[in-house]
């Protein structure tokens, strides 16, 4: 068996040194961001006991991604992508360094904290868009599935499993420590990404884009998404999935406590089941891609998601619900990798930034509106209503999007 596995591995071309540098930078920043996921709310709670003030920290960091995503995509397509990524990483390092210093000296206040989070969100919108565009140039398009799988696995491990407990432990030792750690992570990522080769080659299309205004560039990107059936369908899918699904997840803690009767510790295990499922999904993706194809992964995934929400609404036992969440974690990882790979394969190099940013707007727009709608429905209609609405909406989406998702593999650039 070992000889057979080695023979199979020999047939897979290496992803190359540029991908290794990009992957390493992503792994480092994901670990730092994971630490910040725990340390940020802890610091917010120390600065104010108001629930509104604590939740506002999350809104402040996410808001720039929604406001500036389209501009970030146009900038990534206009400017040298490596330079954009390096600058975004180093800028975030500087912001976190200042924040860590003020926390250490005791001079931090909510205004400074929120300003730092807002700037981090701006940098993240630029960096995430640049990462996706550079990845397509750093590896062969036929290897994008493998590359996205490695990046997704690293995200699950570092950002969701290892980072948060590391950040909480570091915060308990010294408040400034997790912020200083994240600052160093971004500085190191900046040095790594600076060594990535300039793999993109100017084309007549990119020269034309460079002469256009930002507004014209953004419009051209949006038109391309709308007139490309596969991209239009993917953006529509992520919008509906987040609009309805996040509506259910927004009242997650209430579902766990009031419907399942879980303790705070049980709630932690319940949430972690999804992350464990995500890791398993990253291991399974390559096998599924080879045997059923990305089109079928996207199609069946919508049915799985619809069934998950219905199953969670019917579940009354915490262990059963945790098992459902584990399977849901597998689905979200597999569907997400397939969607990212298809989107990259459908997009010409000179439009990668703008198409990626349009997808980000659909993604985050659904999250923002879904969270508001889910809270309202749970409060005034019923706790399980968001789950049933999500099940029905995603099920209907599967029917509507089924033909188009099946054709996503037929057209690539």
Protein backbone atom coordinates (compact mmCIF):
# COMPACT_ATOMS: atom_id res chain seq x y z
CA UNK A 1 0.00 0.00 0.00
CA UNK A 2 2.82 2.42 0.79
CA UNK A 3 4.36 1.81 -2.66
CA UNK A 4 1.01 2.51 -4.31
CA UNK A 5 0.63 5.78 -2.40
CA UNK A 6 4.14 6.84 -3.34
CA UNK A 7 3.42 6.09 -6.99
CA UNK A 8 0.29 8.22 -6.86
CA UNK A 9 2.15 11.09 -5.25
CA UNK A 10 4.76 11.05 -8.02
CA UNK A 11 2.03 11.88 -10.54
CA UNK A 12 1.08 15.08 -8.68
CA UNK A 13 3.23 18.03 -9.78
CA UNK A 14 4.68 20.14 -6.95
CA UNK A 15 2.84 23.36 -6.24
CA UNK A 16 6.10 25.32 -6.33
CA UNK A 17 8.07 27.68 -4.08
CA UNK A 18 5.75 30.64 -4.65
CA UNK A 19 2.83 28.66 -3.30
CA UNK A 20 4.93 27.50 -0.34
CA UNK A 21 5.69 31.12 0.55
CA UNK A 22 2.04 32.13 0.09
CA UNK A 23 0.87 29.15 2.13
CA UNK A 24 3.37 29.83 4.92
CA UNK A 25 2.34 33.48 5.10
CA UNK A 26 -1.32 32.47 5.24
CA UNK A 27 -0.65 29.92 7.98
CA UNK A 28 1.19 32.45 10.12
CA UNK A 29 -1.43 35.18 9.78
CA UNK A 30 -4.26 32.70 10.38
CA UNK A 31 -2.67 31.69 13.67
CA UNK A 32 -2.31 35.33 14.67
CA UNK A 33 -5.86 36.17 13.61
CA UNK A 34 -7.13 33.13 15.49
CA UNK A 35 -5.45 34.45 18.63
CA UNK A 36 -7.10 37.83 17.96
CA UNK A 37 -10.52 36.16 17.73
CA UNK A 38 -10.26 35.44 21.45
CA UNK A 39 -8.12 38.38 22.59
CA UNK A 40 -10.17 41.06 20.79
CA UNK A 41 -13.48 40.35 22.56
CA UNK A 42 -11.64 39.87 25.87
CA UNK A 43 -10.06 43.31 25.57
CA UNK A 44 -13.39 44.82 24.48
CA UNK A 45 -15.05 43.33 27.57
CA UNK A 46 -12.31 44.76 29.78
CA UNK A 47 -12.78 48.23 28.26
CA UNK A 48 -16.57 48.13 28.66
CA UNK A 49 -19.10 45.76 30.21
CA UNK A 50 -21.76 46.84 27.70
CA UNK A 51 -22.93 44.05 25.38
CA UNK A 52 -23.44 46.64 22.64
CA UNK A 53 -19.88 47.90 23.02
CA UNK A 54 -18.48 44.36 22.85
CA UNK A 55 -20.52 43.40 19.78
CA UNK A 56 -19.62 46.71 18.13
CA UNK A 57 -15.99 45.57 18.00
CA UNK A 58 -17.00 42.76 15.63
CA UNK A 59 -19.08 45.11 13.48
CA UNK A 60 -16.28 47.68 13.24
CA UNK A 61 -13.79 45.10 11.97
CA UNK A 62 -16.19 43.52 9.46
CA UNK A 63 -17.68 46.75 8.12
CA UNK A 64 -14.66 47.79 5.97
CA UNK A 65 -14.75 44.49 4.11
CA UNK A 66 -18.28 45.25 2.98
CA UNK A 67 -17.68 48.94 2.28
CA UNK A 68 -14.33 48.72 0.50
CA UNK A 69 -14.32 45.23 -1.02
CA UNK A 70 -15.10 46.41 -4.57
CA UNK A 71 -12.47 49.14 -4.40
CA UNK A 72 -9.97 46.61 -3.03
CA UNK A 73 -10.65 44.32 -5.99
CA UNK A 74 -10.08 47.14 -8.48
CA UNK A 75 -6.83 48.16 -6.75
CA UNK A 76 -5.57 44.57 -6.76
CA UNK A 77 -6.19 44.39 -10.52
CA UNK A 78 -4.62 47.81 -11.14
CA UNK A 79 -1.49 47.65 -8.92
CA UNK A 80 1.25 45.00 -8.61
CA UNK A 81 -0.46 42.33 -6.55
CA UNK A 82 2.62 41.31 -4.60
CA UNK A 83 3.20 44.92 -3.54
CA UNK A 84 -0.42 45.24 -2.40
CA UNK A 85 -0.17 42.07 -0.31
CA UNK A 86 3.16 43.03 1.26
CA UNK A 87 1.91 46.54 2.07
CA UNK A 88 -1.34 45.21 3.60
CA UNK A 89 0.56 42.76 5.82
CA UNK A 90 3.12 45.31 6.99
CA UNK A 91 0.44 47.96 7.60
CA UNK A 92 -1.56 45.56 9.75
CA UNK A 93 1.62 44.69 11.63
CA UNK A 94 2.18 48.38 12.37
CA UNK A 95 -1.43 48.92 13.53
CA UNK A 96 -1.29 45.94 15.88
CA UNK A 97 2.13 47.00 17.14
CA UNK A 98 0.75 50.39 18.15
CA UNK A 99 -2.27 48.74 19.75
CA UNK A 100 -0.07 46.32 21.70
CA UNK A 101 2.09 49.19 22.94
CA UNK A 102 -0.89 51.22 24.14
CA UNK A 103 -2.35 48.17 25.89
CA UNK A 104 1.01 47.52 27.55
CA UNK A 105 1.28 51.10 28.80
CA UNK A 106 -2.37 51.25 29.87
CA UNK A 107 -3.22 54.10 27.49
CA UNK A 108 -5.70 52.14 25.37
CA UNK A 109 -9.29 53.34 25.13
CA UNK A 110 -12.31 52.26 23.11
CA UNK A 111 -11.84 54.87 20.37
CA UNK A 112 -8.29 53.73 19.70
CA UNK A 113 -9.30 50.07 19.89
CA UNK A 114 -12.15 50.50 17.40
CA UNK A 115 -9.93 52.54 15.07
CA UNK A 116 -7.33 49.76 15.07
CA UNK A 117 -10.01 47.15 14.30
CA UNK A 118 -11.38 49.29 11.46
CA UNK A 119 -7.91 49.65 9.90
CA UNK A 120 -7.39 45.90 10.30
CA UNK A 121 -10.60 45.32 8.37
CA UNK A 122 -9.44 47.59 5.55
CA UNK A 123 -6.12 45.76 5.37
CA UNK A 124 -7.84 42.39 5.44
CA UNK A 125 -10.11 43.28 2.52
CA UNK A 126 -7.04 44.17 0.43
CA UNK A 127 -4.96 41.20 1.58
CA UNK A 128 -7.65 38.55 1.11
CA UNK A 129 -8.36 39.77 -2.42
CA UNK A 130 -4.66 39.86 -3.27
CA UNK A 131 -4.07 36.38 -1.82
CA UNK A 132 -6.74 34.89 -4.08
CA UNK A 133 -5.44 36.64 -7.21
CA UNK A 134 -1.79 35.74 -6.55
CA UNK A 135 -2.69 32.10 -5.86
CA UNK A 136 -4.07 31.64 -9.38
CA UNK A 137 -0.80 32.97 -10.82
CA UNK A 138 1.40 31.02 -8.39
CA UNK A 139 0.10 27.55 -9.27
CA UNK A 140 -1.17 25.83 -12.38
CA UNK A 141 -4.95 26.19 -12.74
CA UNK A 142 -5.29 22.41 -12.81
CA UNK A 143 -3.77 22.33 -9.31
CA UNK A 144 -6.04 25.00 -7.79
CA UNK A 145 -8.15 22.41 -5.98
CA UNK A 146 -5.10 21.03 -4.14
CA UNK A 147 -3.82 24.52 -3.35
CA UNK A 148 -7.18 25.72 -2.01
CA UNK A 149 -7.50 22.55 0.06
CA UNK A 150 -4.18 23.18 1.80
CA UNK A 151 -5.08 26.79 2.49
CA UNK A 152 -8.51 25.80 3.85
CA UNK A 153 -7.04 23.11 6.10
CA UNK A 154 -4.52 25.57 7.49
CA UNK A 155 -7.30 28.07 8.14
CA UNK A 156 -9.33 25.49 10.08
CA UNK A 157 -6.38 24.37 12.18
CA UNK A 158 -4.76 27.72 12.92
CA UNK A 159 -7.65 30.19 12.85
CA UNK A 160 -10.40 28.09 14.40
CA UNK A 161 -8.75 25.45 16.61
CA UNK A 162 -5.26 26.52 17.67
CA UNK A 163 -5.43 30.31 17.52
CA UNK A 164 -8.33 31.14 19.88
CA UNK A 165 -7.09 29.14 22.90
CA UNK A 166 -3.58 30.47 22.27
CA UNK A 167 -4.92 34.03 22.24
CA UNK A 168 -6.96 33.52 25.41
CA UNK A 169 -3.96 32.02 27.23
CA UNK A 170 -1.66 34.82 26.08
CA UNK A 171 -4.21 37.45 27.14
CA UNK A 172 -4.40 35.87 30.60
CA UNK A 173 -0.61 36.16 30.92
CA UNK A 174 -0.34 39.74 29.61
CA UNK A 175 -3.06 41.74 27.88
CA UNK A 176 -0.72 43.08 25.20
CA UNK A 177 0.86 39.71 24.36
CA UNK A 178 -1.62 38.34 21.75
CA UNK A 179 -1.68 41.68 19.90
CA UNK A 180 2.13 41.81 19.82
CA UNK A 181 2.17 38.19 18.61
CA UNK A 182 -0.24 38.99 15.78
CA UNK A 183 1.85 42.06 14.86
CA UNK A 184 4.94 39.86 14.52
CA UNK A 185 2.94 37.31 12.50
CA UNK A 186 1.96 39.96 9.95
CA UNK A 187 5.51 41.30 9.78
CA UNK A 188 6.85 37.82 9.04
CA UNK A 189 4.09 37.26 6.47
CA UNK A 190 5.11 40.51 4.79
CA UNK A 191 8.68 39.29 4.48
CA UNK A 192 7.54 35.94 3.06
CA UNK A 193 5.16 37.46 0.51
CA UNK A 194 7.88 39.90 -0.60
CA UNK A 195 9.80 36.88 -1.91
CA UNK A 196 6.95 35.71 -4.16
CA UNK A 197 7.84 35.99 -7.85
CA UNK A 198 5.97 38.40 -10.08
CA UNK A 199 4.26 35.62 -12.00
CA UNK A 200 1.57 37.66 -13.80
CA UNK A 201 2.30 38.91 -17.32
CA UNK A 202 0.75 42.16 -18.64
CA UNK A 203 -1.80 41.63 -21.41
CA UNK A 204 -3.73 44.06 -23.61
CA UNK A 205 -6.66 43.67 -21.22
CA UNK A 206 -4.63 44.67 -18.15
CA UNK A 207 -3.10 47.65 -19.97
CA UNK A 208 -6.59 48.84 -20.83
CA UNK A 209 -7.70 48.40 -17.21
CA UNK A 210 -4.74 50.40 -15.91
CA UNK A 211 -5.88 53.39 -18.01
CA UNK A 212 -9.45 53.24 -16.70
CA UNK A 213 -10.85 54.89 -13.59
CA UNK A 214 -11.52 52.84 -10.47
CA UNK A 215 -15.25 53.25 -11.02
CA UNK A 216 -14.97 51.93 -14.57
CA UNK A 217 -12.87 49.00 -13.39
CA UNK A 218 -15.40 48.11 -10.71
CA UNK A 219 -18.25 48.31 -13.21
CA UNK A 220 -16.40 46.10 -15.68
CA UNK A 221 -15.83 43.49 -13.00
CA UNK A 222 -19.47 43.49 -11.93
CA UNK A 223 -20.63 43.22 -15.54
CA UNK A 224 -18.32 40.25 -16.08
CA UNK A 225 -19.73 38.48 -13.02
CA UNK A 226 -23.32 39.15 -14.10
CA UNK A 227 -22.77 37.99 -17.69
CA UNK A 228 -20.89 34.81 -16.71
CA UNK A 229 -23.56 32.26 -15.68
CA UNK A 230 -21.30 30.23 -13.40
CA UNK A 231 -20.04 33.27 -11.49
CA UNK A 232 -23.52 34.79 -11.28
CA UNK A 233 -24.86 31.55 -9.85
CA UNK A 234 -22.06 31.20 -7.29
CA UNK A 235 -22.55 34.77 -6.06
CA UNK A 236 -26.29 34.19 -5.82
CA UNK A 237 -25.74 30.94 -3.94
CA UNK A 238 -23.43 32.41 -1.31
CA UNK A 239 -25.77 35.37 -0.85
CA UNK A 240 -28.82 33.18 -0.22
CA UNK A 241 -26.90 30.64 1.85
CA UNK A 242 -25.52 33.31 4.17
CA UNK A 243 -28.68 35.39 4.22
CA UNK A 244 -30.66 32.43 5.54
CA UNK A 245 -27.98 30.30 7.22
CA UNK A 246 -26.38 33.09 9.25
CA UNK A 247 -29.89 33.99 10.36
CA UNK A 248 -29.91 30.63 12.14
CA UNK A 249 -26.33 30.83 13.39
CA UNK A 250 -26.86 34.36 14.77
CA UNK A 251 -28.91 32.89 17.62
CA UNK A 252 -26.60 29.88 18.00
CA UNK A 253 -25.99 30.32 21.73
CA UNK A 254 -29.73 30.62 22.41
CA UNK A 255 -30.42 27.50 20.35
CA UNK A 256 -27.81 25.57 22.35
CA UNK A 257 -28.98 26.78 25.76
CA UNK A 258 -32.77 26.95 25.37
CA UNK A 259 -33.47 24.25 22.79
CA UNK A 260 -30.71 21.72 23.50
CA UNK A 261 -30.19 22.55 27.17
CA UNK A 262 -26.39 22.69 26.88
CA UNK A 263 -24.08 24.24 29.44
CA UNK A 264 -21.45 26.80 28.45
CA UNK A 265 -18.88 24.01 28.22
CA UNK A 266 -21.24 21.93 26.14
CA UNK A 267 -21.79 24.90 23.85
CA UNK A 268 -18.02 25.09 23.30
CA UNK A 269 -17.87 21.44 22.28
CA UNK A 270 -20.94 21.90 20.08
CA UNK A 271 -19.27 24.73 18.16
CA UNK A 272 -15.94 22.88 17.89
CA UNK A 273 -17.71 19.94 16.19
CA UNK A 274 -18.11 22.08 13.09
CA UNK A 275 -14.39 22.94 13.06
CA UNK A 276 -13.44 19.27 13.40
CA UNK A 277 -15.78 18.47 10.53
CA UNK A 278 -14.10 21.18 8.48
CA UNK A 279 -10.71 19.54 8.95
CA UNK A 280 -12.15 16.20 7.87
CA UNK A 281 -13.72 17.90 4.85
CA UNK A 282 -10.37 19.31 3.74
CA UNK A 283 -8.92 15.80 3.77
CA UNK A 284 -11.87 14.43 1.79
CA UNK A 285 -12.00 17.14 -0.87
CA UNK A 286 -9.32 15.78 -3.21
CA UNK A 287 -10.95 12.35 -3.25
CA UNK A 288 -14.39 13.84 -3.96
CA UNK A 289 -13.13 16.20 -6.65
CA UNK A 290 -11.52 13.37 -8.59
CA UNK A 291 -14.51 11.05 -8.38
CA UNK A 292 -17.63 13.22 -8.62
CA UNK A 293 -16.36 16.58 -9.90
CA UNK A 294 -16.82 20.10 -8.61
CA UNK A 295 -20.21 20.58 -10.29
CA UNK A 296 -21.78 17.70 -8.39
CA UNK A 297 -20.10 18.80 -5.14
CA UNK A 298 -21.79 22.19 -5.49
CA UNK A 299 -25.16 20.70 -6.41
CA UNK A 300 -25.37 18.05 -3.71
CA UNK A 301 -23.90 20.45 -1.16
CA UNK A 302 -26.98 22.65 -1.37
CA UNK A 303 -29.18 19.65 -0.56
CA UNK A 304 -26.92 18.75 2.36
CA UNK A 305 -27.12 22.29 3.71
CA UNK A 306 -30.89 22.41 3.43
CA UNK A 307 -31.17 19.06 5.20
CA UNK A 308 -28.79 20.21 7.94
CA UNK A 309 -31.00 23.12 8.99
CA UNK A 310 -34.08 20.89 9.09
CA UNK A 311 -32.20 18.26 11.09
CA UNK A 312 -31.00 20.85 13.61
CA UNK A 313 -34.55 22.15 14.02
CA UNK A 314 -35.75 18.61 14.75
CA UNK A 315 -32.85 17.60 17.02
CA UNK A 316 -33.38 17.80 20.76
CA UNK A 317 -30.24 16.02 21.97
CA UNK A 318 -26.90 17.82 22.19
CA UNK A 319 -24.87 14.84 21.04
CA UNK A 320 -27.05 14.33 17.97
CA UNK A 321 -26.92 18.04 17.15
CA UNK A 322 -23.13 17.96 17.58
CA UNK A 323 -22.91 15.09 15.10
CA UNK A 324 -25.03 17.06 12.64
CA UNK A 325 -22.70 20.03 13.08
CA UNK A 326 -19.70 17.80 12.38
CA UNK A 327 -21.25 16.73 9.07
CA UNK A 328 -22.13 20.34 8.34
CA UNK A 329 -18.49 21.28 8.90
CA UNK A 330 -17.46 18.68 6.29
CA UNK A 331 -19.98 20.14 3.84
CA UNK A 332 -19.01 23.78 4.33
CA UNK A 333 -15.33 23.04 3.81
CA UNK A 334 -15.87 20.88 0.70
CA UNK A 335 -18.42 23.28 -0.84
CA UNK A 336 -16.26 26.30 -0.09
CA UNK A 337 -13.15 24.81 -1.72
CA UNK A 338 -15.12 23.74 -4.79
CA UNK A 339 -16.77 27.17 -5.14
CA UNK A 340 -13.44 28.99 -4.79
CA UNK A 341 -11.74 26.74 -7.33
CA UNK A 342 -14.56 27.08 -9.87
CA UNK A 343 -14.61 30.86 -9.44
CA UNK A 344 -10.86 31.09 -10.02
CA UNK A 345 -11.00 28.84 -13.07
CA UNK A 346 -13.82 30.90 -14.62
CA UNK A 347 -12.01 34.22 -14.19
CA UNK A 348 -9.30 35.71 -16.45
CA UNK A 349 -6.14 36.82 -14.67
CA UNK A 350 -6.77 40.55 -15.13
CA UNK A 351 -10.21 40.29 -13.44
CA UNK A 352 -9.29 38.05 -10.48
CA UNK A 353 -9.30 40.86 -7.93
CA UNK A 354 -12.63 42.35 -8.96
CA UNK A 355 -14.43 39.01 -9.28
CA UNK A 356 -13.10 37.94 -5.89
CA UNK A 357 -14.26 41.21 -4.32
CA UNK A 358 -17.73 40.90 -5.89
CA UNK A 359 -18.02 37.44 -4.34
CA UNK A 360 -16.86 38.89 -1.01
CA UNK A 361 -19.62 41.52 -1.11
CA UNK A 362 -22.26 38.84 -1.76
CA UNK A 363 -20.77 36.76 1.04
CA UNK A 364 -20.56 39.52 3.67
CA UNK A 365 -23.79 41.19 2.57
CA UNK A 366 -25.63 37.96 3.25
CA UNK A 367 -23.91 37.64 6.63
CA UNK A 368 -24.84 41.15 7.75
CA UNK A 369 -28.49 41.03 6.63
CA UNK A 370 -28.92 37.43 7.74
CA UNK A 371 -27.72 38.13 11.28
CA UNK A 372 -30.22 40.98 11.65
CA UNK A 373 -33.11 38.99 10.18
CA UNK A 374 -32.33 35.87 12.24
CA UNK A 375 -32.32 37.78 15.52
CA UNK A 376 -35.61 39.49 14.69
CA UNK A 377 -37.35 36.25 13.67
CA UNK A 378 -36.10 34.34 16.72
CA UNK A 379 -37.19 37.13 19.06
CA UNK A 380 -40.66 37.84 17.69
CA UNK A 381 -41.72 34.67 15.82
CA UNK A 382 -39.92 31.66 17.27
CA UNK A 383 -36.45 30.32 18.08
CA UNK A 384 -36.54 27.59 15.41
CA UNK A 385 -38.15 29.70 12.67
CA UNK A 386 -34.77 30.82 11.18
CA UNK A 387 -33.74 27.16 10.83
CA UNK A 388 -36.90 26.20 8.94
CA UNK A 389 -36.67 29.26 6.70
CA UNK A 390 -33.03 28.41 5.92
CA UNK A 391 -33.96 24.81 5.11
CA UNK A 392 -36.70 25.87 2.72
CA UNK A 393 -34.74 28.70 1.08
CA UNK A 394 -31.61 26.64 0.42
CA UNK A 395 -33.72 23.72 -0.81
CA UNK A 396 -35.42 26.04 -3.31
CA UNK A 397 -32.01 27.44 -4.24
CA UNK A 398 -30.80 23.92 -5.04
CA UNK A 399 -33.65 23.47 -7.52
CA UNK A 400 -33.11 26.86 -9.19
CA UNK A 401 -29.30 26.66 -9.35
CA UNK A 402 -29.04 22.95 -10.22
CA UNK A 403 -28.70 23.31 -14.05
CA UNK A 404 -26.22 26.20 -13.89
CA UNK A 405 -24.02 24.55 -11.26
CA UNK A 406 -23.81 21.47 -13.45
CA UNK A 407 -22.31 23.57 -16.24
CA UNK A 408 -19.60 25.26 -14.16
CA UNK A 409 -17.01 22.70 -15.24
CA UNK A 410 -17.72 23.14 -18.94
CA UNK A 411 -16.29 26.66 -19.32
CA UNK A 412 -12.94 27.73 -17.90
CA UNK A 413 -10.34 30.26 -18.97
